Amino acid sequence: MSTPPILTGQNIGRSHYAVRALLERHLEPTGLDFERWVMLNSVGSNGPVTEADLITFVTGGLRVSDERARRHLAELLEAGLLTSAAANVVDLSDAGRELWTRVSAEIRPVTEYLFEGFSDDEKTTVAMVLNRVAERADAALA
């Protein structure tokens, strides 16, 4: 009988990069990279948001600089995938919505496959553990 694996940074990182590689396979034909997709997906999933809130979400979630997040936002606006209206509210453009909808539909079955067979309790436990790890990492970075 083998010993069950112990949760470590190595297996968390390995899972992250495996899932990210699957996403990037779908992003490659679009010309978007992971960081720009996170920004586009945030707007697509949550609706219009202020530029400041979007920058805060990206810098906090991806641990990238404010300057880098602003550069990504400018590039998505310039590419016509996002629009910025009065009061600096960012939303998907028609082209951005089409791209977000298509990529989301492509990756949905992959995501469903990855979580297939896990009970709600298992998924809740893993989410709680990962959230605590992230909170501790944030505290260590502060």
C-alpha atoms as a PDB file:
ATOM      1  CA  MET A   1       0.000   0.000   0.000  1.00  0.00           C
ATOM      2  CA  SER A   2       1.425   3.373  -0.982  1.00  0.00           C
ATOM      3  CA  THR A   3       1.467   6.424   1.241  1.00  0.00           C
ATOM      4  CA  PRO A   4      -1.059   9.108   0.246  1.00  0.00           C
ATOM      5  CA  PRO A   5       0.581  12.258  -1.110  1.00  0.00           C
ATOM      6  CA  ILE A   6       1.095  15.197   1.221  1.00  0.00           C
ATOM      7  CA  LEU A   7       0.066  18.661   0.016  1.00  0.00           C
ATOM      8  CA  THR A   8       3.153  20.727  -0.830  1.00  0.00           C
ATOM      9  CA  GLY A   9       3.986  23.788  -2.850  1.00  0.00           C
ATOM     10  CA  GLN A  10       5.383  21.459  -5.480  1.00  0.00           C
ATOM     11  CA  ASN A  11       2.111  19.651  -6.166  1.00  0.00           C
ATOM     12  CA  ILE A  12       0.133  22.901  -5.981  1.00  0.00           C
ATOM     13  CA  GLY A  13       2.491  24.440  -8.536  1.00  0.00           C
ATOM     14  CA  ARG A  14       2.405  21.357 -10.714  1.00  0.00           C
ATOM     15  CA  SER A  15      -1.392  21.433 -10.791  1.00  0.00           C
ATOM     16  CA  HIS A  16      -1.386  25.155 -11.548  1.00  0.00           C
ATOM     17  CA  TYR A  17       0.975  24.805 -14.492  1.00  0.00           C
ATOM     18  CA  ALA A  18      -0.821  21.760 -15.888  1.00  0.00           C
ATOM     19  CA  VAL A  19      -4.166  23.562 -15.867  1.00  0.00           C
ATOM     20  CA  ARG A  20      -2.572  26.735 -17.220  1.00  0.00           C
ATOM     21  CA  ALA A  21      -0.994  24.771 -20.094  1.00  0.00           C
ATOM     22  CA  LEU A  22      -4.438  23.449 -21.042  1.00  0.00           C
ATOM     23  CA  LEU A  23      -5.831  26.991 -21.066  1.00  0.00           C
ATOM     24  CA  GLU A  24      -2.878  28.352 -23.035  1.00  0.00           C
ATOM     25  CA  ARG A  25      -3.429  25.683 -25.693  1.00  0.00           C
ATOM     26  CA  HIS A  26      -6.852  27.240 -26.301  1.00  0.00           C
ATOM     27  CA  LEU A  27      -5.517  30.794 -26.081  1.00  0.00           C
ATOM     28  CA  GLU A  28      -2.647  30.333 -28.532  1.00  0.00           C
ATOM     29  CA  PRO A  29      -4.735  30.789 -31.704  1.00  0.00           C
ATOM     30  CA  THR A  30      -6.310  33.953 -30.250  1.00  0.00           C
ATOM     31  CA  GLY A  31      -3.022  35.774 -29.713  1.00  0.00           C
ATOM     32  CA  LEU A  32      -3.877  36.368 -26.053  1.00  0.00           C
ATOM     33  CA  ASP A  33      -1.564  35.251 -23.310  1.00  0.00           C
ATOM     34  CA  PHE A  34      -2.579  34.063 -19.861  1.00  0.00           C
ATOM     35  CA  GLU A  35      -2.396  37.443 -18.114  1.00  0.00           C
ATOM     36  CA  ARG A  36      -4.454  39.252 -20.744  1.00  0.00           C
ATOM     37  CA  TRP A  37      -6.985  36.402 -20.715  1.00  0.00           C
ATOM     38  CA  VAL A  38      -7.370  36.743 -16.938  1.00  0.00           C
ATOM     39  CA  MET A  39      -8.239  40.405 -17.440  1.00  0.00           C
ATOM     40  CA  LEU A  40     -10.651  39.722 -20.319  1.00  0.00           C
ATOM     41  CA  ASN A  41     -12.225  36.804 -18.456  1.00  0.00           C
ATOM     42  CA  SER A  42     -12.740  38.896 -15.348  1.00  0.00           C
ATOM     43  CA  VAL A  43     -14.722  41.464 -17.303  1.00  0.00           C
ATOM     44  CA  GLY A  44     -16.597  38.764 -19.228  1.00  0.00           C
ATOM     45  CA  SER A  45     -17.494  36.848 -16.084  1.00  0.00           C
ATOM     46  CA  ASN A  46     -18.343  39.781 -13.837  1.00  0.00           C
ATOM     47  CA  GLY A  47     -19.598  42.469 -16.190  1.00  0.00           C
ATOM     48  CA  PRO A  48     -18.527  46.088 -16.456  1.00  0.00           C
ATOM     49  CA  VAL A  49     -15.980  47.192 -13.874  1.00  0.00           C
ATOM     50  CA  THR A  50     -14.015  50.336 -13.176  1.00  0.00           C
ATOM     51  CA  GLU A  51     -10.480  50.426 -14.513  1.00  0.00           C
ATOM     52  CA  ALA A  52      -9.199  50.813 -10.941  1.00  0.00           C
ATOM     53  CA  ASP A  53     -11.062  47.705  -9.733  1.00  0.00           C
ATOM     54  CA  LEU A  54      -9.847  45.684 -12.721  1.00  0.00           C
ATOM     55  CA  ILE A  55      -6.246  46.738 -12.110  1.00  0.00           C
ATOM     56  CA  THR A  56      -6.597  45.842  -8.421  1.00  0.00           C
ATOM     57  CA  PHE A  57      -8.036  42.427  -9.315  1.00  0.00           C
ATOM     58  CA  VAL A  58      -5.201  41.653 -11.740  1.00  0.00           C
ATOM     59  CA  THR A  59      -2.363  42.919  -9.572  1.00  0.00           C
ATOM     60  CA  GLY A  60      -3.732  41.056  -6.554  1.00  0.00           C
ATOM     61  CA  GLY A  61      -4.628  37.852  -8.369  1.00  0.00           C
ATOM     62  CA  LEU A  62      -1.584  37.536 -10.591  1.00  0.00           C
ATOM     63  CA  ARG A  63       0.910  39.328  -8.356  1.00  0.00           C
ATOM     64  CA  VAL A  64       1.991  41.598 -11.217  1.00  0.00           C
ATOM     65  CA  SER A  65       2.907  45.257 -10.998  1.00  0.00           C
ATOM     66  CA  ASP A  66       0.382  48.030 -11.423  1.00  0.00           C
ATOM     67  CA  GLU A  67       2.342  49.191 -14.476  1.00  0.00           C
ATOM     68  CA  ARG A  68       2.152  45.755 -16.082  1.00  0.00           C
ATOM     69  CA  ALA A  69      -1.598  45.439 -15.438  1.00  0.00           C
ATOM     70  CA  ARG A  70      -2.170  48.923 -16.901  1.00  0.00           C
ATOM     71  CA  ARG A  71      -0.140  47.964 -19.967  1.00  0.00           C
ATOM     72  CA  HIS A  72      -2.307  44.865 -20.448  1.00  0.00           C
ATOM     73  CA  LEU A  73      -5.446  46.983 -20.114  1.00  0.00           C
ATOM     74  CA  ALA A  74      -4.158  49.492 -22.673  1.00  0.00           C
ATOM     75  CA  GLU A  75      -3.336  46.670 -25.091  1.00  0.00           C
ATOM     76  CA  LEU A  76      -6.801  45.102 -24.728  1.00  0.00           C
ATOM     77  CA  LEU A  77      -8.409  48.499 -25.291  1.00  0.00           C
ATOM     78  CA  GLU A  78      -6.181  49.154 -28.314  1.00  0.00           C
ATOM     79  CA  ALA A  79      -6.962  45.694 -29.726  1.00  0.00           C
ATOM     80  CA  GLY A  80     -10.665  46.529 -29.495  1.00  0.00           C
ATOM     81  CA  LEU A  81     -11.455  43.688 -27.083  1.00  0.00           C
ATOM     82  CA  LEU A  82     -12.393  46.014 -24.231  1.00  0.00           C
ATOM     83  CA  THR A  83     -14.086  49.405 -24.213  1.00  0.00           C
ATOM     84  CA  SER A  84     -13.809  52.171 -21.657  1.00  0.00           C
ATOM     85  CA  ALA A  85     -16.814  54.449 -21.189  1.00  0.00           C
ATOM     86  CA  ALA A  86     -17.602  57.356 -18.936  1.00  0.00           C
ATOM     87  CA  ALA A  87     -16.243  57.149 -15.396  1.00  0.00           C
ATOM     88  CA  ASN A  88     -13.520  54.778 -16.654  1.00  0.00           C
ATOM     89  CA  VAL A  89     -15.829  51.760 -16.684  1.00  0.00           C
ATOM     90  CA  VAL A  90     -14.421  48.870 -18.700  1.00  0.00           C
ATOM     91  CA  ASP A  91     -16.594  46.379 -20.563  1.00  0.00           C
ATOM     92  CA  LEU A  92     -16.208  43.827 -23.340  1.00  0.00           C
ATOM     93  CA  SER A  93     -16.524  45.147 -26.856  1.00  0.00           C
ATOM     94  CA  ASP A  94     -18.509  43.109 -29.373  1.00  0.00           C
ATOM     95  CA  ALA A  95     -15.258  41.497 -30.555  1.00  0.00           C
ATOM     96  CA  GLY A  96     -14.174  40.897 -26.962  1.00  0.00           C
ATOM     97  CA  ARG A  97     -17.508  39.301 -26.087  1.00  0.00           C
ATOM     98  CA  GLU A  98     -17.306  37.018 -29.132  1.00  0.00           C
ATOM     99  CA  LEU A  99     -13.765  35.929 -28.219  1.00  0.00           C
ATOM    100  CA  TRP A 100     -14.561  35.489 -24.525  1.00  0.00           C
ATOM    101  CA  THR A 101     -17.706  33.481 -25.323  1.00  0.00           C
ATOM    102  CA  ARG A 102     -15.873  31.229 -27.794  1.00  0.00           C
ATOM    103  CA  VAL A 103     -12.859  30.515 -25.579  1.00  0.00           C
ATOM    104  CA  SER A 104     -15.053  30.024 -22.514  1.00  0.00           C
ATOM    105  CA  ALA A 105     -17.147  27.483 -24.431  1.00  0.00           C
ATOM    106  CA  GLU A 106     -13.987  25.673 -25.570  1.00  0.00           C
ATOM    107  CA  ILE A 107     -12.525  25.383 -22.084  1.00  0.00           C
ATOM    108  CA  ARG A 108     -15.772  24.566 -20.230  1.00  0.00           C
ATOM    109  CA  PRO A 109     -15.645  20.822 -21.088  1.00  0.00           C
ATOM    110  CA  VAL A 110     -11.985  20.702 -20.071  1.00  0.00           C
ATOM    111  CA  THR A 111     -12.800  22.281 -16.727  1.00  0.00           C
ATOM    112  CA  GLU A 112     -15.712  19.898 -16.208  1.00  0.00           C
ATOM    113  CA  TYR A 113     -13.415  16.946 -16.949  1.00  0.00           C
ATOM    114  CA  LEU A 114     -10.799  18.173 -14.459  1.00  0.00           C
ATOM    115  CA  PHE A 115     -13.317  18.329 -11.608  1.00  0.00           C
ATOM    116  CA  GLU A 116     -15.354  15.278 -12.596  1.00  0.00           C
ATOM    117  CA  GLY A 117     -15.764  12.717  -9.834  1.00  0.00           C
ATOM    118  CA  PHE A 118     -14.898  15.027  -6.943  1.00  0.00           C
ATOM    119  CA  SER A 119     -17.652  15.496  -4.382  1.00  0.00           C
ATOM    120  CA  ASP A 120     -18.782  18.978  -3.391  1.00  0.00           C
ATOM    121  CA  ASP A 121     -17.204  18.360   0.021  1.00  0.00           C
ATOM    122  CA  GLU A 122     -13.853  17.494  -1.579  1.00  0.00           C
ATOM    123  CA  LYS A 123     -13.947  20.583  -3.783  1.00  0.00           C
ATOM    124  CA  THR A 124     -14.891  22.759  -0.804  1.00  0.00           C
ATOM    125  CA  THR A 125     -12.037  21.368   1.291  1.00  0.00           C
ATOM    126  CA  VAL A 126      -9.478  21.895  -1.472  1.00  0.00           C
ATOM    127  CA  ALA A 127     -10.732  25.441  -2.075  1.00  0.00           C
ATOM    128  CA  MET A 128     -10.447  26.248   1.629  1.00  0.00           C
ATOM    129  CA  VAL A 129      -6.911  24.874   1.835  1.00  0.00           C
ATOM    130  CA  LEU A 130      -5.776  26.718  -1.292  1.00  0.00           C
ATOM    131  CA  ASN A 131      -7.343  29.963  -0.071  1.00  0.00           C
ATOM    132  CA  ARG A 132      -5.478  29.645   3.242  1.00  0.00           C
ATOM    133  CA  VAL A 133      -2.217  28.957   1.416  1.00  0.00           C
ATOM    134  CA  ALA A 134      -2.787  32.042  -0.759  1.00  0.00           C
ATOM    135  CA  GLU A 135      -3.605  34.181   2.299  1.00  0.00           C
ATOM    136  CA  ARG A 136      -0.392  33.071   3.998  1.00  0.00           C
ATOM    137  CA  ALA A 137       1.641  33.697   0.863  1.00  0.00           C
ATOM    138  CA  ASP A 138       0.110  37.186   0.593  1.00  0.00           C
ATOM    139  CA  ALA A 139       0.994  37.846   4.212  1.00  0.00           C
ATOM    140  CA  ALA A 140       4.571  36.693   3.603  1.00  0.00           C
ATOM    141  CA  LEU A 141       4.798  38.985   0.571  1.00  0.00           C
ATOM    142  CA  ALA A 142       3.507  42.021   2.501  1.00  0.00           C
END
